[in-house]
Amino acid sequence: MAAQRFTGALLGVVFGFMLTWSGMVDPDVIRGALLFEEAYLFLFMGSAVATASIGLALVRRFQRRAVLVDQPIGWTTERPQRSHLLGSVIFGVGWGVSQACPGPVAAQVGQGVGWALLTLVGIVIGVRIFLVREAHETEPAVDAPQAQAPTSPAAQRREPVPVGVA
């Protein structure tokens, strides 16, 4: 477990260094991209997406276990839903207002940029709201009717009918 935490921290430091070195923590670079004045950010992100896509395809094809935790690797894909679109709009607005996304904010805080703490607080509040809302959506209803156990042998042989289905 300690080796996994050390490796995670090391990867975080390397990621933060790369963000800083590439200029991705600079609000002027982000503003230039959001105003379509500079293609640098889009090309950088496009190369990251391409690299990740190739990496995931290779992992799916050859590697079946995670290196650090020796557990199976797997995921499912789903079609875009309304919540994905809404989330992307909220993320985009937040990115435009703060001129940073979570990775650069962590790097800015690490650099000692004071105003990045306000953005970090906003990110924490947003994540907290999402988690609380998600917990409420997955909780079963308190007043939901309970299915009755069959009492006769004939009733026991029938297929159960899902609650709420007519």
N, C-alpha and C. Protein backbone atom coordinates (compact mmCIF):
# COMPACT_ATOMS: atom_id res chain seq x y z
N MET A 1 0.82 -1.19 0.00
CA MET A 1 0.00 0.00 0.00
C MET A 1 0.86 1.26 0.00
N ALA A 2 1.95 1.25 0.76
CA ALA A 2 2.84 2.42 0.80
C ALA A 2 3.49 2.64 -0.56
N ALA A 3 3.85 1.55 -1.25
CA ALA A 3 4.45 1.68 -2.58
C ALA A 3 3.45 2.27 -3.56
N GLN A 4 2.18 1.90 -3.43
CA GLN A 4 1.16 2.44 -4.32
C GLN A 4 0.97 3.93 -4.08
N ARG A 5 0.96 4.34 -2.82
CA ARG A 5 0.80 5.77 -2.50
C ARG A 5 2.01 6.56 -2.99
N PHE A 6 3.19 6.00 -2.80
CA PHE A 6 4.40 6.67 -3.27
C PHE A 6 4.37 6.82 -4.79
N THR A 7 4.00 5.75 -5.48
CA THR A 7 3.93 5.78 -6.93
C THR A 7 2.88 6.79 -7.39
N GLY A 8 1.72 6.82 -6.73
CA GLY A 8 0.68 7.79 -7.07
C GLY A 8 1.16 9.22 -6.86
N ALA A 9 1.85 9.46 -5.74
CA ALA A 9 2.38 10.80 -5.47
C ALA A 9 3.43 11.18 -6.50
N LEU A 10 4.29 10.24 -6.86
CA LEU A 10 5.33 10.50 -7.85
C LEU A 10 4.71 10.84 -9.21
N LEU A 11 3.69 10.08 -9.61
CA LEU A 11 3.00 10.36 -10.87
C LEU A 11 2.33 11.73 -10.82
N GLY A 12 1.75 12.10 -9.67
CA GLY A 12 1.13 13.41 -9.52
C GLY A 12 2.15 14.53 -9.66
N VAL A 13 3.34 14.35 -9.08
CA VAL A 13 4.39 15.36 -9.19
C VAL A 13 4.84 15.48 -10.64
N VAL A 14 5.04 14.36 -11.31
CA VAL A 14 5.45 14.39 -12.72
C VAL A 14 4.38 15.07 -13.57
N PHE A 15 3.10 14.75 -13.31
CA PHE A 15 2.01 15.37 -14.06
C PHE A 15 1.99 16.88 -13.82
N GLY A 16 2.13 17.29 -12.56
CA GLY A 16 2.17 18.72 -12.24
C GLY A 16 3.34 19.42 -12.91
N PHE A 17 4.50 18.76 -12.93
CA PHE A 17 5.66 19.34 -13.60
C PHE A 17 5.39 19.51 -15.09
N MET A 18 4.80 18.50 -15.71
CA MET A 18 4.51 18.57 -17.15
C MET A 18 3.49 19.67 -17.45
N LEU A 19 2.48 19.81 -16.60
CA LEU A 19 1.51 20.89 -16.81
C LEU A 19 2.19 22.25 -16.71
N THR A 20 3.06 22.40 -15.72
CA THR A 20 3.75 23.68 -15.54
C THR A 20 4.72 23.93 -16.68
N TRP A 21 5.49 22.94 -17.03
CA TRP A 21 6.50 23.08 -18.11
C TRP A 21 5.84 23.40 -19.44
N SER A 22 4.68 22.80 -19.70
CA SER A 22 4.00 23.02 -20.98
C SER A 22 3.27 24.35 -21.04
N GLY A 23 3.13 25.02 -19.91
CA GLY A 23 2.42 26.29 -19.89
C GLY A 23 0.93 26.15 -19.64
N MET A 24 0.47 24.95 -19.35
CA MET A 24 -0.96 24.71 -19.18
C MET A 24 -1.53 25.30 -17.89
N VAL A 25 -0.67 25.79 -17.00
CA VAL A 25 -1.17 26.41 -15.77
C VAL A 25 -1.24 27.93 -15.92
N ASP A 26 -0.82 28.43 -17.04
CA ASP A 26 -0.80 29.87 -17.28
C ASP A 26 -2.18 30.33 -17.77
N PRO A 27 -2.86 31.20 -17.02
CA PRO A 27 -4.19 31.66 -17.45
C PRO A 27 -4.17 32.32 -18.82
N ASP A 28 -3.07 32.94 -19.20
CA ASP A 28 -3.00 33.57 -20.52
C ASP A 28 -3.05 32.53 -21.64
N VAL A 29 -2.40 31.39 -21.42
CA VAL A 29 -2.45 30.30 -22.41
C VAL A 29 -3.87 29.76 -22.51
N ILE A 30 -4.49 29.55 -21.37
CA ILE A 30 -5.86 29.02 -21.35
C ILE A 30 -6.83 30.03 -21.99
N ARG A 31 -6.70 31.31 -21.64
CA ARG A 31 -7.56 32.34 -22.21
C ARG A 31 -7.40 32.40 -23.72
N GLY A 32 -6.15 32.34 -24.21
CA GLY A 32 -5.90 32.37 -25.65
C GLY A 32 -6.57 31.22 -26.37
N ALA A 33 -6.58 30.05 -25.74
CA ALA A 33 -7.25 28.90 -26.36
C ALA A 33 -8.76 29.06 -26.33
N LEU A 34 -9.30 29.50 -25.18
CA LEU A 34 -10.75 29.65 -25.07
C LEU A 34 -11.30 30.73 -25.99
N LEU A 35 -10.48 31.70 -26.34
CA LEU A 35 -10.89 32.75 -27.28
C LEU A 35 -10.53 32.40 -28.72
N PHE A 36 -10.05 31.19 -28.94
CA PHE A 36 -9.64 30.70 -30.26
C PHE A 36 -8.55 31.56 -30.88
N GLU A 37 -7.69 32.11 -30.05
CA GLU A 37 -6.56 32.90 -30.53
C GLU A 37 -5.31 32.04 -30.71
N GLU A 38 -5.22 30.97 -29.95
CA GLU A 38 -4.06 30.07 -29.98
C GLU A 38 -4.54 28.64 -30.12
N ALA A 39 -3.85 27.86 -30.93
CA ALA A 39 -4.20 26.45 -31.10
C ALA A 39 -3.40 25.55 -30.18
N TYR A 40 -2.44 26.11 -29.46
CA TYR A 40 -1.52 25.33 -28.65
C TYR A 40 -2.24 24.37 -27.70
N LEU A 41 -3.18 24.90 -26.93
CA LEU A 41 -3.89 24.10 -25.94
C LEU A 41 -4.68 22.98 -26.60
N PHE A 42 -5.35 23.28 -27.69
CA PHE A 42 -6.14 22.26 -28.39
C PHE A 42 -5.25 21.18 -28.98
N LEU A 43 -4.11 21.56 -29.54
CA LEU A 43 -3.18 20.56 -30.07
C LEU A 43 -2.60 19.71 -28.95
N PHE A 44 -2.29 20.34 -27.82
CA PHE A 44 -1.76 19.61 -26.67
C PHE A 44 -2.80 18.61 -26.16
N MET A 45 -4.04 19.07 -26.01
CA MET A 45 -5.11 18.18 -25.53
C MET A 45 -5.41 17.09 -26.56
N GLY A 46 -5.39 17.43 -27.83
CA GLY A 46 -5.62 16.44 -28.87
C GLY A 46 -4.56 15.35 -28.85
N SER A 47 -3.30 15.73 -28.65
CA SER A 47 -2.24 14.72 -28.58
C SER A 47 -2.41 13.86 -27.33
N ALA A 48 -2.91 14.45 -26.23
CA ALA A 48 -3.16 13.66 -25.01
C ALA A 48 -4.29 12.66 -25.24
N VAL A 49 -5.35 13.08 -25.90
CA VAL A 49 -6.47 12.18 -26.20
C VAL A 49 -6.01 11.05 -27.12
N ALA A 50 -5.22 11.39 -28.14
CA ALA A 50 -4.72 10.36 -29.06
C ALA A 50 -3.83 9.36 -28.32
N THR A 51 -2.94 9.86 -27.47
CA THR A 51 -2.06 8.98 -26.70
C THR A 51 -2.87 8.08 -25.77
N ALA A 52 -3.86 8.66 -25.08
CA ALA A 52 -4.69 7.87 -24.18
C ALA A 52 -5.50 6.83 -24.94
N SER A 53 -6.01 7.18 -26.11
CA SER A 53 -6.79 6.23 -26.90
C SER A 53 -5.94 5.04 -27.33
N ILE A 54 -4.74 5.32 -27.79
CA ILE A 54 -3.83 4.24 -28.19
C ILE A 54 -3.46 3.39 -26.97
N GLY A 55 -3.16 4.06 -25.86
CA GLY A 55 -2.81 3.33 -24.64
C GLY A 55 -3.93 2.44 -24.15
N LEU A 56 -5.16 2.96 -24.14
CA LEU A 56 -6.30 2.15 -23.70
C LEU A 56 -6.56 0.98 -24.63
N ALA A 57 -6.39 1.19 -25.93
CA ALA A 57 -6.57 0.09 -26.88
C ALA A 57 -5.53 -1.00 -26.62
N LEU A 58 -4.29 -0.60 -26.35
CA LEU A 58 -3.24 -1.58 -26.05
C LEU A 58 -3.51 -2.31 -24.74
N VAL A 59 -3.96 -1.57 -23.72
CA VAL A 59 -4.28 -2.19 -22.43
C VAL A 59 -5.41 -3.18 -22.60
N ARG A 60 -6.43 -2.78 -23.32
CA ARG A 60 -7.58 -3.67 -23.53
C ARG A 60 -7.17 -4.93 -24.29
N ARG A 61 -6.24 -4.78 -25.20
CA ARG A 61 -5.85 -5.92 -26.03
C ARG A 61 -4.85 -6.85 -25.34
N PHE A 62 -3.86 -6.30 -24.63
CA PHE A 62 -2.77 -7.12 -24.11
C PHE A 62 -2.72 -7.24 -22.59
N GLN A 63 -2.94 -6.18 -21.89
CA GLN A 63 -2.76 -6.16 -20.43
C GLN A 63 -4.10 -6.37 -19.76
N ARG A 64 -4.22 -7.38 -18.97
CA ARG A 64 -5.49 -7.65 -18.31
C ARG A 64 -5.45 -7.35 -16.81
N ARG A 65 -4.28 -6.99 -16.26
CA ARG A 65 -4.16 -6.72 -14.84
C ARG A 65 -3.40 -5.41 -14.61
N ALA A 66 -3.81 -4.66 -13.60
CA ALA A 66 -3.14 -3.41 -13.26
C ALA A 66 -1.76 -3.70 -12.69
N VAL A 67 -0.79 -2.88 -13.03
CA VAL A 67 0.59 -3.11 -12.60
C VAL A 67 0.74 -2.92 -11.10
N LEU A 68 0.20 -1.84 -10.56
CA LEU A 68 0.43 -1.52 -9.15
C LEU A 68 -0.40 -2.33 -8.17
N VAL A 69 -1.60 -2.70 -8.53
CA VAL A 69 -2.48 -3.39 -7.59
C VAL A 69 -2.80 -4.82 -7.99
N ASP A 70 -2.32 -5.26 -9.14
CA ASP A 70 -2.52 -6.62 -9.64
C ASP A 70 -4.00 -7.03 -9.62
N GLN A 71 -4.84 -6.14 -10.13
CA GLN A 71 -6.26 -6.42 -10.25
C GLN A 71 -6.65 -6.33 -11.72
N PRO A 72 -7.71 -7.03 -12.10
CA PRO A 72 -8.14 -6.98 -13.51
C PRO A 72 -8.49 -5.56 -13.93
N ILE A 73 -8.17 -5.25 -15.18
CA ILE A 73 -8.51 -3.96 -15.76
C ILE A 73 -9.71 -4.16 -16.66
N GLY A 74 -10.69 -3.33 -16.52
CA GLY A 74 -11.85 -3.43 -17.38
C GLY A 74 -12.74 -2.22 -17.21
N TRP A 75 -13.53 -1.93 -18.20
CA TRP A 75 -14.45 -0.81 -18.16
C TRP A 75 -15.53 -1.04 -19.18
N THR A 76 -16.59 -0.31 -19.01
CA THR A 76 -17.69 -0.37 -19.97
C THR A 76 -17.88 1.02 -20.55
N THR A 77 -18.40 1.06 -21.73
CA THR A 77 -18.71 2.35 -22.34
C THR A 77 -20.22 2.51 -22.39
N GLU A 78 -20.66 3.73 -22.36
CA GLU A 78 -22.09 3.99 -22.45
C GLU A 78 -22.33 5.15 -23.39
N ARG A 79 -23.53 5.20 -23.90
CA ARG A 79 -23.90 6.30 -24.80
C ARG A 79 -24.00 7.60 -24.02
N PRO A 80 -23.67 8.71 -24.67
CA PRO A 80 -23.81 10.00 -23.99
C PRO A 80 -25.26 10.22 -23.54
N GLN A 81 -25.40 10.73 -22.34
CA GLN A 81 -26.71 10.99 -21.76
C GLN A 81 -26.84 12.48 -21.44
N ARG A 82 -28.03 12.86 -21.06
CA ARG A 82 -28.30 14.27 -20.73
C ARG A 82 -27.36 14.76 -19.63
N SER A 83 -27.09 13.91 -18.64
CA SER A 83 -26.21 14.32 -17.54
C SER A 83 -24.79 14.59 -18.03
N HIS A 84 -24.34 13.86 -19.05
CA HIS A 84 -23.02 14.11 -19.62
C HIS A 84 -22.96 15.48 -20.28
N LEU A 85 -24.00 15.82 -21.01
CA LEU A 85 -24.05 17.13 -21.68
C LEU A 85 -24.10 18.26 -20.66
N LEU A 86 -24.93 18.10 -19.65
CA LEU A 86 -25.04 19.11 -18.60
C LEU A 86 -23.70 19.25 -17.87
N GLY A 87 -23.07 18.14 -17.54
CA GLY A 87 -21.78 18.18 -16.87
C GLY A 87 -20.71 18.85 -17.71
N SER A 88 -20.72 18.60 -19.00
CA SER A 88 -19.72 19.24 -19.87
C SER A 88 -19.93 20.75 -19.95
N VAL A 89 -21.19 21.18 -19.94
CA VAL A 89 -21.47 22.62 -19.96
C VAL A 89 -21.00 23.26 -18.65
N ILE A 90 -21.31 22.63 -17.53
CA ILE A 90 -20.88 23.17 -16.23
C ILE A 90 -19.35 23.22 -16.17
N PHE A 91 -18.70 22.15 -16.62
CA PHE A 91 -17.23 22.12 -16.63
C PHE A 91 -16.68 23.23 -17.51
N GLY A 92 -17.25 23.40 -18.70
CA GLY A 92 -16.78 24.43 -19.62
C GLY A 92 -16.96 25.83 -19.08
N VAL A 93 -18.10 26.08 -18.46
CA VAL A 93 -18.33 27.41 -17.87
C VAL A 93 -17.32 27.65 -16.74
N GLY A 94 -17.13 26.64 -15.90
CA GLY A 94 -16.16 26.77 -14.81
C GLY A 94 -14.76 26.99 -15.33
N TRP A 95 -14.41 26.31 -16.41
CA TRP A 95 -13.09 26.46 -17.02
C TRP A 95 -12.93 27.87 -17.57
N GLY A 96 -13.98 28.37 -18.22
CA GLY A 96 -13.91 29.72 -18.80
C GLY A 96 -13.83 30.80 -17.73
N VAL A 97 -14.58 30.63 -16.64
CA VAL A 97 -14.58 31.63 -15.58
C VAL A 97 -13.27 31.62 -14.80
N SER A 98 -12.82 30.42 -14.44
CA SER A 98 -11.61 30.32 -13.60
C SER A 98 -10.33 30.27 -14.42
N GLN A 99 -10.46 29.98 -15.71
CA GLN A 99 -9.32 29.81 -16.61
C GLN A 99 -8.38 28.72 -16.12
N ALA A 100 -8.98 27.66 -15.58
CA ALA A 100 -8.21 26.50 -15.13
C ALA A 100 -9.15 25.32 -14.97
N CYS A 101 -8.61 24.12 -15.10
CA CYS A 101 -9.35 22.91 -14.79
C CYS A 101 -8.62 22.23 -13.63
N PRO A 102 -9.11 21.12 -13.10
CA PRO A 102 -8.54 20.56 -11.88
C PRO A 102 -7.03 20.30 -11.90
N GLY A 103 -6.48 19.81 -12.98
CA GLY A 103 -5.04 19.55 -13.02
C GLY A 103 -4.22 20.82 -12.85
N PRO A 104 -4.45 21.83 -13.67
CA PRO A 104 -3.72 23.08 -13.49
C PRO A 104 -3.96 23.74 -12.13
N VAL A 105 -5.16 23.60 -11.57
CA VAL A 105 -5.41 24.20 -10.26
C VAL A 105 -4.51 23.57 -9.22
N ALA A 106 -4.38 22.25 -9.25
CA ALA A 106 -3.48 21.57 -8.29
C ALA A 106 -2.05 22.04 -8.48
N ALA A 107 -1.62 22.20 -9.73
CA ALA A 107 -0.27 22.68 -9.99
C ALA A 107 -0.11 24.13 -9.54
N GLN A 108 -1.13 24.96 -9.75
CA GLN A 108 -1.06 26.35 -9.32
C GLN A 108 -0.98 26.44 -7.79
N VAL A 109 -1.77 25.62 -7.10
CA VAL A 109 -1.71 25.61 -5.63
C VAL A 109 -0.32 25.17 -5.19
N GLY A 110 0.22 24.15 -5.87
CA GLY A 110 1.58 23.69 -5.56
C GLY A 110 2.63 24.75 -5.79
N GLN A 111 2.39 25.64 -6.74
CA GLN A 111 3.32 26.74 -7.01
C GLN A 111 3.15 27.89 -6.03
N GLY A 112 2.09 27.85 -5.23
CA GLY A 112 1.84 28.93 -4.28
C GLY A 112 1.03 30.08 -4.84
N VAL A 113 0.28 29.84 -5.93
CA VAL A 113 -0.57 30.88 -6.51
C VAL A 113 -1.82 31.00 -5.62
N GLY A 114 -1.94 32.13 -4.93
CA GLY A 114 -2.99 32.31 -3.94
C GLY A 114 -4.40 32.21 -4.47
N TRP A 115 -4.69 32.86 -5.60
CA TRP A 115 -6.05 32.86 -6.12
C TRP A 115 -6.51 31.47 -6.57
N ALA A 116 -5.57 30.54 -6.78
CA ALA A 116 -5.94 29.19 -7.17
C ALA A 116 -6.67 28.47 -6.03
N LEU A 117 -6.45 28.92 -4.79
CA LEU A 117 -7.16 28.32 -3.66
C LEU A 117 -8.67 28.52 -3.78
N LEU A 118 -9.09 29.68 -4.29
CA LEU A 118 -10.53 29.92 -4.50
C LEU A 118 -11.10 28.95 -5.54
N THR A 119 -10.35 28.72 -6.60
CA THR A 119 -10.80 27.78 -7.62
C THR A 119 -10.85 26.37 -7.04
N LEU A 120 -9.86 26.03 -6.23
CA LEU A 120 -9.84 24.71 -5.58
C LEU A 120 -11.05 24.53 -4.67
N VAL A 121 -11.41 25.56 -3.92
CA VAL A 121 -12.59 25.50 -3.06
C VAL A 121 -13.84 25.27 -3.91
N GLY A 122 -13.94 25.95 -5.05
CA GLY A 122 -15.07 25.74 -5.95
C GLY A 122 -15.14 24.32 -6.48
N ILE A 123 -13.98 23.75 -6.80
CA ILE A 123 -13.94 22.36 -7.28
C ILE A 123 -14.41 21.41 -6.19
N VAL A 124 -13.91 21.61 -4.97
CA VAL A 124 -14.29 20.75 -3.85
C VAL A 124 -15.79 20.84 -3.58
N ILE A 125 -16.34 22.05 -3.60
CA ILE A 125 -17.78 22.22 -3.39
C ILE A 125 -18.57 21.52 -4.50
N GLY A 126 -18.14 21.69 -5.75
CA GLY A 126 -18.83 21.03 -6.87
C GLY A 126 -18.80 19.52 -6.77
N VAL A 127 -17.66 18.95 -6.40
CA VAL A 127 -17.55 17.49 -6.24
C VAL A 127 -18.44 17.03 -5.10
N ARG A 128 -18.45 17.78 -4.02
CA ARG A 128 -19.28 17.43 -2.87
C ARG A 128 -20.77 17.44 -3.24
N ILE A 129 -21.20 18.47 -3.96
CA ILE A 129 -22.61 18.53 -4.40
C ILE A 129 -22.93 17.33 -5.27
N PHE A 130 -22.04 16.99 -6.19
CA PHE A 130 -22.27 15.84 -7.07
C PHE A 130 -22.41 14.56 -6.25
N LEU A 131 -21.50 14.34 -5.29
CA LEU A 131 -21.54 13.10 -4.51
C LEU A 131 -22.79 13.00 -3.65
N VAL A 132 -23.21 14.12 -3.05
CA VAL A 132 -24.43 14.11 -2.24
C VAL A 132 -25.64 13.83 -3.13
N ARG A 133 -25.69 14.47 -4.28
CA ARG A 133 -26.82 14.27 -5.20
C ARG A 133 -26.85 12.83 -5.72
N GLU A 134 -25.68 12.30 -6.06
CA GLU A 134 -25.61 10.92 -6.54
C GLU A 134 -26.06 9.94 -5.46
N ALA A 135 -25.69 10.19 -4.20
CA ALA A 135 -26.10 9.31 -3.10
C ALA A 135 -27.61 9.33 -2.94
N HIS A 136 -28.24 10.50 -3.10
CA HIS A 136 -29.70 10.59 -2.99
C HIS A 136 -30.39 9.86 -4.13
N GLU A 137 -29.81 9.89 -5.32
CA GLU A 137 -30.43 9.24 -6.47
C GLU A 137 -30.33 7.72 -6.38
N THR A 138 -29.34 7.20 -5.69
CA THR A 138 -29.16 5.74 -5.61
C THR A 138 -29.81 5.13 -4.39
N GLU A 139 -30.29 5.95 -3.44
CA GLU A 139 -30.96 5.42 -2.26
C GLU A 139 -32.34 4.90 -2.64
N PRO A 140 -32.72 3.73 -2.09
CA PRO A 140 -34.07 3.23 -2.37
C PRO A 140 -35.10 4.10 -1.66
N ALA A 141 -36.28 4.17 -2.25
CA ALA A 141 -37.36 4.95 -1.66
C ALA A 141 -37.78 4.31 -0.34
N VAL A 142 -38.03 5.15 0.67
CA VAL A 142 -38.37 4.64 2.00
C VAL A 142 -39.75 4.00 2.00
N ASP A 143 -40.68 4.57 1.27
CA ASP A 143 -42.05 4.06 1.29
C ASP A 143 -42.35 3.12 0.12
N ALA A 144 -41.32 2.53 -0.48
CA ALA A 144 -41.54 1.60 -1.59
C ALA A 144 -42.20 0.33 -1.07
N PRO A 145 -43.21 -0.19 -1.78
CA PRO A 145 -43.87 -1.41 -1.32
C PRO A 145 -42.91 -2.59 -1.37
N GLN A 146 -43.00 -3.44 -0.38
CA GLN A 146 -42.16 -4.63 -0.32
C GLN A 146 -42.89 -5.80 -0.96
N ALA A 147 -42.15 -6.62 -1.68
CA ALA A 147 -42.73 -7.80 -2.32
C ALA A 147 -43.10 -8.82 -1.25
N GLN A 148 -44.27 -9.43 -1.38
CA GLN A 148 -44.72 -10.46 -0.44
C GLN A 148 -44.19 -11.81 -0.88
N ALA A 149 -43.79 -12.61 0.07
CA ALA A 149 -43.33 -13.97 -0.24
C ALA A 149 -44.54 -14.81 -0.62
N PRO A 150 -44.39 -15.68 -1.64
CA PRO A 150 -45.51 -16.54 -2.03
C PRO A 150 -45.87 -17.49 -0.89
N THR A 151 -47.16 -17.79 -0.76
CA THR A 151 -47.60 -18.64 0.34
C THR A 151 -47.98 -20.03 -0.12
N SER A 152 -48.46 -20.20 -1.33
CA SER A 152 -48.89 -21.53 -1.79
C SER A 152 -47.84 -22.10 -2.72
N PRO A 153 -47.79 -23.42 -2.85
CA PRO A 153 -46.84 -24.04 -3.80
C PRO A 153 -47.07 -23.56 -5.22
N ALA A 154 -48.30 -23.31 -5.62
CA ALA A 154 -48.57 -22.83 -6.97
C ALA A 154 -48.00 -21.43 -7.15
N ALA A 155 -48.13 -20.59 -6.13
CA ALA A 155 -47.61 -19.23 -6.21
C ALA A 155 -46.09 -19.23 -6.22
N GLN A 156 -45.48 -20.22 -5.56
CA GLN A 156 -44.03 -20.30 -5.51
C GLN A 156 -43.44 -20.65 -6.87
N ARG A 157 -44.18 -21.37 -7.73
CA ARG A 157 -43.67 -21.77 -9.04
C ARG A 157 -43.75 -20.64 -10.07
N ARG A 158 -44.59 -19.65 -9.84
CA ARG A 158 -44.74 -18.56 -10.80
C ARG A 158 -43.52 -17.66 -10.77
N GLU A 159 -43.26 -17.01 -11.90
CA GLU A 159 -42.18 -16.02 -11.99
C GLU A 159 -42.55 -14.79 -11.20
N PRO A 160 -41.64 -14.24 -10.42
CA PRO A 160 -41.98 -13.03 -9.70
C PRO A 160 -42.13 -11.85 -10.66
N VAL A 161 -43.06 -10.97 -10.34
CA VAL A 161 -43.30 -9.77 -11.13
C VAL A 161 -42.54 -8.63 -10.47
N PRO A 162 -41.71 -7.90 -11.23
CA PRO A 162 -40.99 -6.77 -10.62
C PRO A 162 -41.94 -5.73 -10.07
N VAL A 163 -41.60 -5.17 -8.93
CA VAL A 163 -42.44 -4.15 -8.30
C VAL A 163 -42.51 -2.93 -9.18
N GLY A 164 -43.70 -2.41 -9.36
CA GLY A 164 -43.88 -1.17 -10.13
C GLY A 164 -44.09 -1.41 -11.61
N VAL A 165 -44.08 -2.65 -12.06
CA VAL A 165 -44.28 -2.94 -13.49
C VAL A 165 -45.72 -3.38 -13.68
N ALA A 166 -46.42 -2.76 -14.60
CA ALA A 166 -47.83 -3.09 -14.82
C ALA A 166 -47.97 -4.13 -15.90
